Amino acid sequence: MTVTDQPLPAPDFAADAAAVLPDLVALRRALHADPELGLDLPRTQAKVLAALEGLPLEITTGTATTSVVAVLRGALPGPTVLLRGDMDALPLDEATGLDYASTNGAMHACGHDLHTAGLVGAARLLAAHRDTLAGSVIFMFQPGEEGDGGAKVMIDEGLLDAAGDRPVGAYAIHMAPGPRGVFGTRPGPVMAGAATLHVTVNGRGGHGSQPQHALDPVPAAAETVLALQSFVTRSFDAFDPVVLTVTRMSTGEGAINVIPEQVELGATVRFMSAASLATLKEGLPRVAEGVATTHGLTADVRFEEYYPATVNDAAETAFTVETLAGVFGEQRIMTMPAPVMGSEDFSFVLDEVPGTFLMLMASPPDIDPATAEFNHSPRVLFDDAVLGDQAAALATLAFARTARG
């Protein structure tokens, strides 16, 4: 490569972000006050489309969901990268006391309102430097992250081919409580995969005073809970963690002196590797069915996969850390010591495209990060002053990655 072939340095997006920050804050607060759930977000989609109006973007909307895909084509040849922002909220009654708090029974308690506004900001920053952008950027505005697999829906609708060639890198930033403005990530697994386990223990009902004439499923169900926990703690490497938590146990609404016919159990399951997932799929039904058989009962077991583990590409993550440290300083880039056992459907994108999922700490300055409410709390607070950094970080990563070729 000759000197003249060197890629152009990235613009100072962090400085440029100051000009767009007021608009991003206004958009974020409008989204926060009017959250929507799941895959159908018509009002949110309309706000995003209005915020992108006038930019040199090729925009398409989803058919199976209210997604927005926008493509910015640089003036110079180069590869394609993808930037993601999720848009859906959670079914929570907000208790923050903010003057722009939601009152409709839903809440942006996981920062998706900031993710959406920050991605709009990245689109504005990159569009302003389209003449020096080498390649294309796909902006992925995604519904249905909170359990509906909206990323997979968008991929099935052609998201990854929106610019004509597949992205060479994909990046997403997620808000989290912590020291404001600090980015966190790590190579390899960064968030867990998610599955659910449903067990119905089948017995034969009877009078509570005469258990010898019934086949009582309650003791078997209780033993099943303990057996499932023991299976997890004795079957997996501590450095390849698995979490199983039984969150539901129901015998229905029968009278208190009646032995029920069935007991239903429900559990959430989190894992970090494909090997662990394979062991869970084989082992959990075997344990539940085995306990039931020991008691002379039967068990119906259903194991449902939802999201794979979110796994950061090592090379892309090294590039991400180096790039952001050059913009924001090394003191604002943290290597996460361990993965988070929560789940994230950006995993579907990272299964197809090498990339990096990052956290951006966003606790308000008057809140102690050590005691701040966490994501999904009705009282969680995020400071929208970080929107400029979020937009600049995404824009910088896209510009620098396309410049690499």
Protein backbone atom coordinates (compact mmCIF):
# COMPACT_ATOMS: atom_id res chain seq x y z
CA MET A 1 0.00 0.00 0.00
CA THR A 2 1.39 3.39 -0.97
CA VAL A 3 0.96 6.54 1.06
CA THR A 4 -1.73 7.75 -1.31
CA ASP A 5 -3.59 4.46 -0.81
CA GLN A 6 -3.87 4.94 2.94
CA PRO A 7 -7.49 5.22 4.10
CA LEU A 8 -8.69 8.65 5.01
CA PRO A 9 -8.70 9.35 8.76
CA ALA A 10 -12.11 9.29 10.37
CA PRO A 11 -13.72 12.69 10.88
CA ASP A 12 -14.00 14.03 14.41
CA PHE A 13 -17.45 12.61 14.97
CA ALA A 14 -17.25 13.27 18.70
CA ALA A 15 -16.99 17.01 18.01
CA ASP A 16 -19.66 16.86 15.31
CA ALA A 17 -22.05 15.15 17.70
CA ALA A 18 -22.48 18.31 19.76
CA ALA A 19 -24.51 19.86 16.94
CA VAL A 20 -26.98 16.97 16.73
CA LEU A 21 -27.24 16.20 20.45
CA PRO A 22 -30.27 18.45 21.16
CA ASP A 23 -32.26 16.76 18.41
CA LEU A 24 -31.26 13.31 19.66
CA VAL A 25 -32.30 14.14 23.21
CA ALA A 26 -35.66 15.40 21.96
CA LEU A 27 -36.17 12.22 19.91
CA ARG A 28 -35.16 9.99 22.81
CA ARG A 29 -37.62 11.69 25.15
CA ALA A 30 -40.43 11.48 22.61
CA LEU A 31 -39.74 7.76 22.24
CA HIS A 32 -39.53 7.31 26.00
CA ALA A 33 -42.89 8.97 26.57
CA ASP A 34 -44.62 6.79 23.97
CA PRO A 35 -43.18 3.25 24.14
CA GLU A 36 -44.50 0.26 22.20
CA LEU A 37 -44.09 -3.49 22.67
CA GLY A 38 -42.99 -6.39 20.52
CA LEU A 39 -42.79 -6.49 16.76
CA ASP A 40 -45.51 -3.96 15.97
CA LEU A 41 -44.25 -0.43 16.70
CA PRO A 42 -46.05 1.86 14.23
CA ARG A 43 -45.65 5.10 16.22
CA THR A 44 -41.99 4.40 16.91
CA GLN A 45 -41.39 3.59 13.25
CA ALA A 46 -43.03 6.86 12.23
CA LYS A 47 -40.78 8.83 14.59
CA VAL A 48 -37.68 7.15 13.17
CA LEU A 49 -38.72 7.77 9.59
CA ALA A 50 -39.39 11.43 10.38
CA ALA A 51 -35.97 11.76 12.03
CA LEU A 52 -34.23 10.27 8.96
CA GLU A 53 -36.13 12.43 6.47
CA GLY A 54 -33.90 14.44 4.16
CA LEU A 55 -30.82 12.24 4.59
CA PRO A 56 -29.32 10.51 1.50
CA LEU A 57 -30.55 7.08 2.58
CA GLU A 58 -32.20 4.16 0.83
CA ILE A 59 -34.99 3.24 3.23
CA THR A 60 -37.12 0.11 3.38
CA THR A 61 -39.61 -0.99 6.00
CA GLY A 62 -40.42 -4.50 7.11
CA THR A 63 -43.45 -6.55 6.11
CA ALA A 64 -43.54 -8.99 9.05
CA THR A 65 -42.60 -6.26 11.52
CA THR A 66 -42.34 -2.48 11.71
CA SER A 67 -38.60 -2.45 11.14
CA VAL A 68 -36.66 0.26 9.33
CA VAL A 69 -33.56 -0.50 7.26
CA ALA A 70 -31.62 2.48 5.91
CA VAL A 71 -28.59 2.24 3.64
CA LEU A 72 -26.06 5.02 3.25
CA ARG A 73 -23.79 4.59 0.23
CA GLY A 74 -20.45 6.35 0.49
CA ALA A 75 -18.97 8.24 -2.44
CA LEU A 76 -15.93 5.96 -2.44
CA PRO A 77 -15.82 2.21 -3.07
CA GLY A 78 -15.54 -0.07 -0.09
CA PRO A 79 -17.23 -2.77 1.97
CA THR A 80 -20.47 -2.68 3.93
CA VAL A 81 -20.88 -2.50 7.71
CA LEU A 82 -24.01 -2.77 9.85
CA LEU A 83 -25.08 -0.71 12.87
CA ARG A 84 -28.01 -1.81 15.06
CA GLY A 85 -30.44 -0.01 17.36
CA ASP A 86 -33.41 -1.82 18.90
CA MET A 87 -36.70 0.02 19.38
CA ASP A 88 -39.14 -1.97 21.55
CA ALA A 89 -40.02 -1.43 25.21
CA LEU A 90 -41.08 -3.61 28.15
CA PRO A 91 -44.52 -4.20 29.73
CA LEU A 92 -43.81 -2.20 32.90
CA ASP A 93 -45.54 0.66 34.71
CA GLU A 94 -42.85 3.32 34.87
CA ALA A 95 -41.91 4.66 38.31
CA THR A 96 -39.06 7.06 37.49
CA GLY A 97 -40.92 10.31 38.09
CA LEU A 98 -39.44 11.83 34.93
CA ASP A 99 -41.43 14.61 33.35
CA TYR A 100 -41.38 12.61 30.10
CA ALA A 101 -42.23 9.28 31.76
CA SER A 102 -44.50 6.83 30.00
CA THR A 103 -48.08 6.50 31.19
CA ASN A 104 -49.32 3.78 28.82
CA GLY A 105 -48.30 0.65 30.75
CA ALA A 106 -45.06 0.13 28.83
CA MET A 107 -41.59 1.50 29.56
CA HIS A 108 -38.22 1.89 27.90
CA ALA A 109 -36.54 0.24 30.88
CA CYS A 110 -33.68 -1.25 28.86
CA GLY A 111 -32.44 1.85 27.06
CA HIS A 112 -33.85 1.06 23.63
CA ASP A 113 -35.09 4.63 23.28
CA LEU A 114 -31.45 5.75 23.52
CA HIS A 115 -30.31 2.98 21.18
CA THR A 116 -32.76 4.21 18.55
CA ALA A 117 -31.95 7.90 18.95
CA GLY A 118 -28.20 7.18 18.97
CA LEU A 119 -28.48 5.23 15.72
CA VAL A 120 -30.33 8.15 14.13
CA GLY A 121 -27.42 10.31 15.30
CA ALA A 122 -24.89 7.98 13.69
CA ALA A 123 -26.83 8.16 10.41
CA ARG A 124 -26.77 11.97 10.52
CA LEU A 125 -23.06 12.11 11.32
CA LEU A 126 -22.09 9.67 8.57
CA ALA A 127 -24.39 11.27 6.00
CA ALA A 128 -22.63 14.59 6.60
CA HIS A 129 -19.35 12.91 5.58
CA ARG A 130 -20.68 10.80 2.76
CA ASP A 131 -18.12 12.26 0.32
CA THR A 132 -15.27 10.60 2.23
CA LEU A 133 -17.06 7.42 3.25
CA ALA A 134 -15.57 4.36 1.52
CA GLY A 135 -18.35 1.81 1.32
CA SER A 136 -21.89 1.48 2.64
CA VAL A 137 -23.53 1.45 6.05
CA ILE A 138 -26.72 -0.44 6.93
CA PHE A 139 -28.68 1.13 9.79
CA MET A 140 -30.80 -1.56 11.44
CA PHE A 141 -33.75 -0.16 13.42
CA GLN A 142 -35.13 -3.30 15.03
CA PRO A 143 -38.41 -4.10 16.78
CA GLY A 144 -38.94 -7.10 19.01
CA GLU A 145 -35.63 -7.57 20.83
CA GLU A 146 -37.32 -8.27 24.17
CA GLY A 147 -38.19 -11.89 23.51
CA ASP A 148 -39.66 -11.73 20.00
CA GLY A 149 -36.50 -12.32 17.98
CA GLY A 150 -36.91 -9.27 15.79
CA ALA A 151 -33.32 -9.52 14.57
CA LYS A 152 -34.01 -12.98 13.14
CA VAL A 153 -37.17 -11.68 11.47
CA MET A 154 -35.20 -8.87 9.83
CA ILE A 155 -32.46 -11.25 8.67
CA ASP A 156 -35.09 -13.52 7.14
CA GLU A 157 -36.48 -10.49 5.28
CA GLY A 158 -33.09 -9.75 3.69
CA LEU A 159 -31.48 -7.30 6.10
CA LEU A 160 -27.94 -8.52 5.49
CA ASP A 161 -28.27 -8.06 1.72
CA ALA A 162 -29.82 -4.59 1.92
CA ALA A 163 -26.72 -2.87 0.49
CA GLY A 164 -26.07 -5.52 -2.17
CA ASP A 165 -23.14 -7.18 -0.45
CA ARG A 166 -22.95 -8.73 3.00
CA PRO A 167 -21.50 -6.65 5.83
CA VAL A 168 -17.91 -7.30 6.86
CA GLY A 169 -18.58 -6.02 10.37
CA ALA A 170 -21.56 -5.39 12.65
CA TYR A 171 -21.75 -3.25 15.80
CA ALA A 172 -24.32 -2.47 18.47
CA ILE A 173 -24.18 -0.40 21.67
CA HIS A 174 -26.42 -1.18 24.66
CA MET A 175 -27.06 1.08 27.63
CA ALA A 176 -26.29 -0.13 31.16
CA PRO A 177 -26.05 1.48 34.59
CA GLY A 178 -22.53 2.46 35.55
CA PRO A 179 -20.05 5.37 35.38
CA ARG A 180 -21.40 7.63 32.67
CA GLY A 181 -19.58 7.47 29.36
CA VAL A 182 -17.55 4.28 29.95
CA PHE A 183 -17.71 1.63 27.22
CA GLY A 184 -17.44 -2.05 28.09
CA THR A 185 -16.94 -5.11 25.93
CA ARG A 186 -14.93 -8.31 25.66
CA PRO A 187 -13.92 -10.81 22.97
CA GLY A 188 -15.81 -14.09 22.80
CA PRO A 189 -19.09 -14.69 24.64
CA VAL A 190 -20.48 -11.43 25.96
CA MET A 191 -24.12 -12.35 26.67
CA ALA A 192 -25.82 -15.68 27.23
CA GLY A 193 -28.08 -17.65 24.98
CA ALA A 194 -31.64 -18.14 26.22
CA ALA A 195 -34.06 -21.06 26.33
CA THR A 196 -37.08 -22.10 28.36
CA LEU A 197 -37.97 -25.41 29.93
CA HIS A 198 -41.60 -26.48 30.43
CA VAL A 199 -42.36 -29.62 32.45
CA THR A 200 -45.79 -31.10 33.20
CA VAL A 201 -45.71 -33.86 35.82
CA ASN A 202 -48.76 -36.10 35.29
CA GLY A 203 -50.29 -38.01 38.19
CA ARG A 204 -53.71 -39.16 39.35
CA GLY A 205 -55.69 -36.89 41.60
CA GLY A 206 -57.52 -37.75 44.76
CA HIS A 207 -58.47 -36.66 48.26
CA GLY A 208 -55.75 -34.93 50.22
CA SER A 209 -56.43 -37.19 53.22
CA GLN A 210 -55.96 -40.36 51.16
CA PRO A 211 -52.67 -39.96 49.19
CA GLN A 212 -52.24 -43.75 49.04
CA HIS A 213 -55.15 -43.89 46.61
CA ALA A 214 -53.70 -41.26 44.30
CA LEU A 215 -50.50 -40.68 42.32
CA ASP A 216 -49.43 -37.37 43.81
CA PRO A 217 -47.43 -35.25 41.30
CA VAL A 218 -46.50 -32.57 43.87
CA PRO A 219 -43.60 -34.38 45.61
CA ALA A 220 -42.28 -35.48 42.23
CA ALA A 221 -42.43 -31.91 40.95
CA ALA A 222 -40.59 -30.65 44.04
CA GLU A 223 -37.93 -33.30 43.55
CA THR A 224 -37.70 -32.35 39.87
CA VAL A 225 -36.82 -28.75 40.79
CA LEU A 226 -33.92 -29.95 42.96
CA ALA A 227 -32.80 -32.53 40.40
CA LEU A 228 -32.67 -29.92 37.62
CA GLN A 229 -30.53 -27.62 39.79
CA SER A 230 -28.19 -30.50 40.67
CA PHE A 231 -27.89 -31.48 37.02
CA VAL A 232 -26.71 -27.97 36.11
CA THR A 233 -24.19 -27.69 38.93
CA ARG A 234 -22.70 -31.13 38.21
CA SER A 235 -22.73 -31.24 34.41
CA PHE A 236 -21.03 -28.05 33.25
CA ASP A 237 -17.61 -26.45 33.51
CA ALA A 238 -17.67 -23.45 35.82
CA PHE A 239 -15.83 -21.51 33.11
CA ASP A 240 -18.60 -22.27 30.58
CA PRO A 241 -21.47 -21.15 32.81
CA VAL A 242 -25.07 -22.31 32.68
CA VAL A 243 -27.92 -20.87 34.76
CA LEU A 244 -31.27 -22.60 35.25
CA THR A 245 -33.92 -20.93 37.39
CA VAL A 246 -37.36 -22.43 37.97
CA THR A 247 -39.70 -19.45 38.00
CA ARG A 248 -43.13 -21.10 37.81
CA MET A 249 -44.79 -23.98 39.68
CA SER A 250 -48.53 -24.43 39.44
CA THR A 251 -51.13 -27.02 40.42
CA GLY A 252 -54.02 -25.00 39.09
CA GLU A 253 -56.90 -23.60 41.12
CA GLY A 254 -58.28 -26.74 42.77
CA ALA A 255 -59.47 -26.99 46.34
CA ILE A 256 -56.80 -27.19 49.01
CA ASN A 257 -57.90 -30.70 50.05
CA VAL A 258 -57.58 -32.11 46.52
CA ILE A 259 -54.44 -33.81 45.18
CA PRO A 260 -54.04 -32.37 41.67
CA GLU A 261 -53.80 -34.35 38.47
CA GLN A 262 -50.80 -32.34 37.23
CA VAL A 263 -48.08 -29.92 38.30
CA GLU A 264 -46.62 -27.53 35.77
CA LEU A 265 -43.06 -26.17 36.06
CA GLY A 266 -41.42 -23.42 34.04
CA ALA A 267 -37.75 -22.44 34.01
CA THR A 268 -35.50 -19.99 32.22
CA VAL A 269 -32.19 -21.40 31.00
CA ARG A 270 -29.07 -19.43 30.06
CA PHE A 271 -25.91 -20.80 28.40
CA MET A 272 -22.71 -19.60 26.74
CA SER A 273 -21.79 -22.26 24.20
CA ALA A 274 -23.23 -24.59 21.60
CA ALA A 275 -21.79 -27.54 23.52
CA SER A 276 -23.69 -26.53 26.67
CA LEU A 277 -26.87 -26.08 24.66
CA ALA A 278 -26.55 -29.61 23.26
CA THR A 279 -26.08 -31.04 26.77
CA LEU A 280 -29.09 -29.12 28.07
CA LYS A 281 -31.34 -30.28 25.24
CA GLU A 282 -30.48 -33.90 25.95
CA GLY A 283 -30.11 -33.83 29.72
CA LEU A 284 -32.97 -31.72 31.05
CA PRO A 285 -35.77 -33.88 29.56
CA ARG A 286 -33.97 -37.01 30.74
CA VAL A 287 -33.77 -35.70 34.32
CA ALA A 288 -37.43 -34.59 34.47
CA GLU A 289 -38.73 -37.79 32.91
CA GLY A 290 -36.49 -39.91 35.13
CA VAL A 291 -37.77 -38.33 38.34
CA ALA A 292 -41.36 -38.81 37.22
CA THR A 293 -40.73 -42.46 36.37
CA THR A 294 -39.21 -43.06 39.78
CA HIS A 295 -42.50 -41.92 41.33
CA GLY A 296 -44.59 -44.02 38.94
CA LEU A 297 -45.65 -40.92 37.00
CA THR A 298 -45.01 -39.44 33.58
CA ALA A 299 -43.64 -36.08 32.53
CA ASP A 300 -44.21 -34.06 29.37
CA VAL A 301 -41.13 -31.92 28.66
CA ARG A 302 -40.67 -29.10 26.17
CA PHE A 303 -37.32 -27.33 25.69
CA GLU A 304 -37.55 -24.18 23.56
CA GLU A 305 -34.55 -22.28 22.23
CA TYR A 306 -34.90 -18.51 21.91
CA TYR A 307 -31.60 -16.70 21.41
CA PRO A 308 -28.12 -18.07 20.82
CA ALA A 309 -25.23 -16.73 22.88
CA THR A 310 -23.94 -13.33 21.78
CA VAL A 311 -20.33 -13.95 20.77
CA ASN A 312 -17.99 -11.09 19.84
CA ASP A 313 -15.43 -11.71 17.13
CA ALA A 314 -11.95 -11.40 18.64
CA ALA A 315 -10.41 -9.43 15.75
CA GLU A 316 -13.38 -7.06 15.40
CA THR A 317 -13.42 -6.48 19.15
CA ALA A 318 -9.70 -5.65 19.20
CA PHE A 319 -10.37 -3.18 16.37
CA THR A 320 -13.34 -1.73 18.27
CA VAL A 321 -11.38 -1.22 21.48
CA GLU A 322 -8.43 0.36 19.68
CA THR A 323 -10.66 2.63 17.60
CA LEU A 324 -12.77 3.88 20.50
CA ALA A 325 -9.73 4.32 22.75
CA GLY A 326 -8.29 6.60 20.08
CA VAL A 327 -11.40 8.76 20.19
CA PHE A 328 -12.45 8.71 23.84
CA GLY A 329 -9.24 7.70 25.64
CA GLU A 330 -8.21 4.36 27.09
CA GLN A 331 -9.63 5.30 30.49
CA ARG A 332 -13.14 5.13 29.06
CA ILE A 333 -12.80 1.63 27.59
CA MET A 334 -13.31 -1.27 30.00
CA THR A 335 -12.72 -4.95 29.33
CA MET A 336 -15.64 -6.80 30.90
CA PRO A 337 -14.28 -9.48 33.26
CA ALA A 338 -17.03 -11.97 32.45
CA PRO A 339 -20.05 -12.37 30.17
CA VAL A 340 -23.49 -11.18 31.25
CA MET A 341 -26.04 -13.95 31.79
CA GLY A 342 -28.82 -11.89 30.22
CA SER A 343 -29.58 -12.48 26.53
CA GLU A 344 -29.65 -10.34 23.40
CA ASP A 345 -30.89 -11.11 19.90
CA PHE A 346 -28.04 -9.22 18.22
CA SER A 347 -26.63 -12.72 18.60
CA PHE A 348 -28.45 -13.66 15.38
CA VAL A 349 -26.51 -10.95 13.52
CA LEU A 350 -23.18 -11.98 15.05
CA ASP A 351 -23.86 -15.58 14.02
CA GLU A 352 -23.76 -14.30 10.42
CA VAL A 353 -21.34 -11.35 10.54
CA PRO A 354 -18.19 -10.83 12.63
CA GLY A 355 -18.68 -7.90 14.96
CA THR A 356 -18.88 -6.49 18.45
CA PHE A 357 -21.60 -5.84 21.00
CA LEU A 358 -20.72 -3.12 23.52
CA MET A 359 -22.15 -1.69 26.70
CA LEU A 360 -22.22 2.07 27.34
CA MET A 361 -22.59 3.05 30.98
CA ALA A 362 -25.17 5.80 31.38
CA SER A 363 -26.11 6.39 35.01
CA PRO A 364 -26.93 10.04 35.77
CA PRO A 365 -24.15 11.83 37.67
CA ASP A 366 -26.25 12.21 40.83
CA ILE A 367 -26.78 8.42 41.12
CA ASP A 368 -24.20 6.09 42.66
CA PRO A 369 -23.43 3.49 39.94
CA ALA A 370 -22.92 0.87 42.66
CA THR A 371 -26.54 1.13 43.78
CA ALA A 372 -28.20 2.24 40.53
CA GLU A 373 -31.33 0.39 39.45
CA PHE A 374 -30.54 -2.12 36.71
CA ASN A 375 -32.11 -2.62 33.28
CA HIS A 376 -35.75 -3.81 33.36
CA SER A 377 -36.44 -2.00 36.65
CA PRO A 378 -39.41 0.41 36.58
CA ARG A 379 -37.09 2.92 38.28
CA VAL A 380 -34.00 2.60 36.07
CA LEU A 381 -32.59 5.93 34.82
CA PHE A 382 -30.26 6.61 31.89
CA ASP A 383 -28.67 9.99 31.19
CA ASP A 384 -29.36 11.02 27.59
CA ALA A 385 -26.22 13.19 27.66
CA VAL A 386 -24.44 10.01 26.45
CA LEU A 387 -26.29 10.10 23.14
CA GLY A 388 -23.56 12.18 21.51
CA ASP A 389 -20.92 9.63 22.50
CA GLN A 390 -23.09 6.75 21.36
CA ALA A 391 -23.71 8.31 17.94
CA ALA A 392 -20.05 9.26 17.54
CA ALA A 393 -18.84 5.80 18.56
CA LEU A 394 -21.10 4.06 16.04
CA ALA A 395 -20.21 6.49 13.27
CA THR A 396 -16.49 6.18 13.99
CA LEU A 397 -16.60 2.39 13.95
CA ALA A 398 -18.50 2.34 10.66
CA PHE A 399 -16.22 4.88 8.97
CA ALA A 400 -13.01 3.26 10.20
CA ARG A 401 -14.13 -0.28 9.35
CA THR A 402 -15.19 0.58 5.80
CA ALA A 403 -11.91 2.46 5.33
CA ARG A 404 -10.01 -0.73 6.18
CA GLY A 405 -11.54 -2.46 3.17
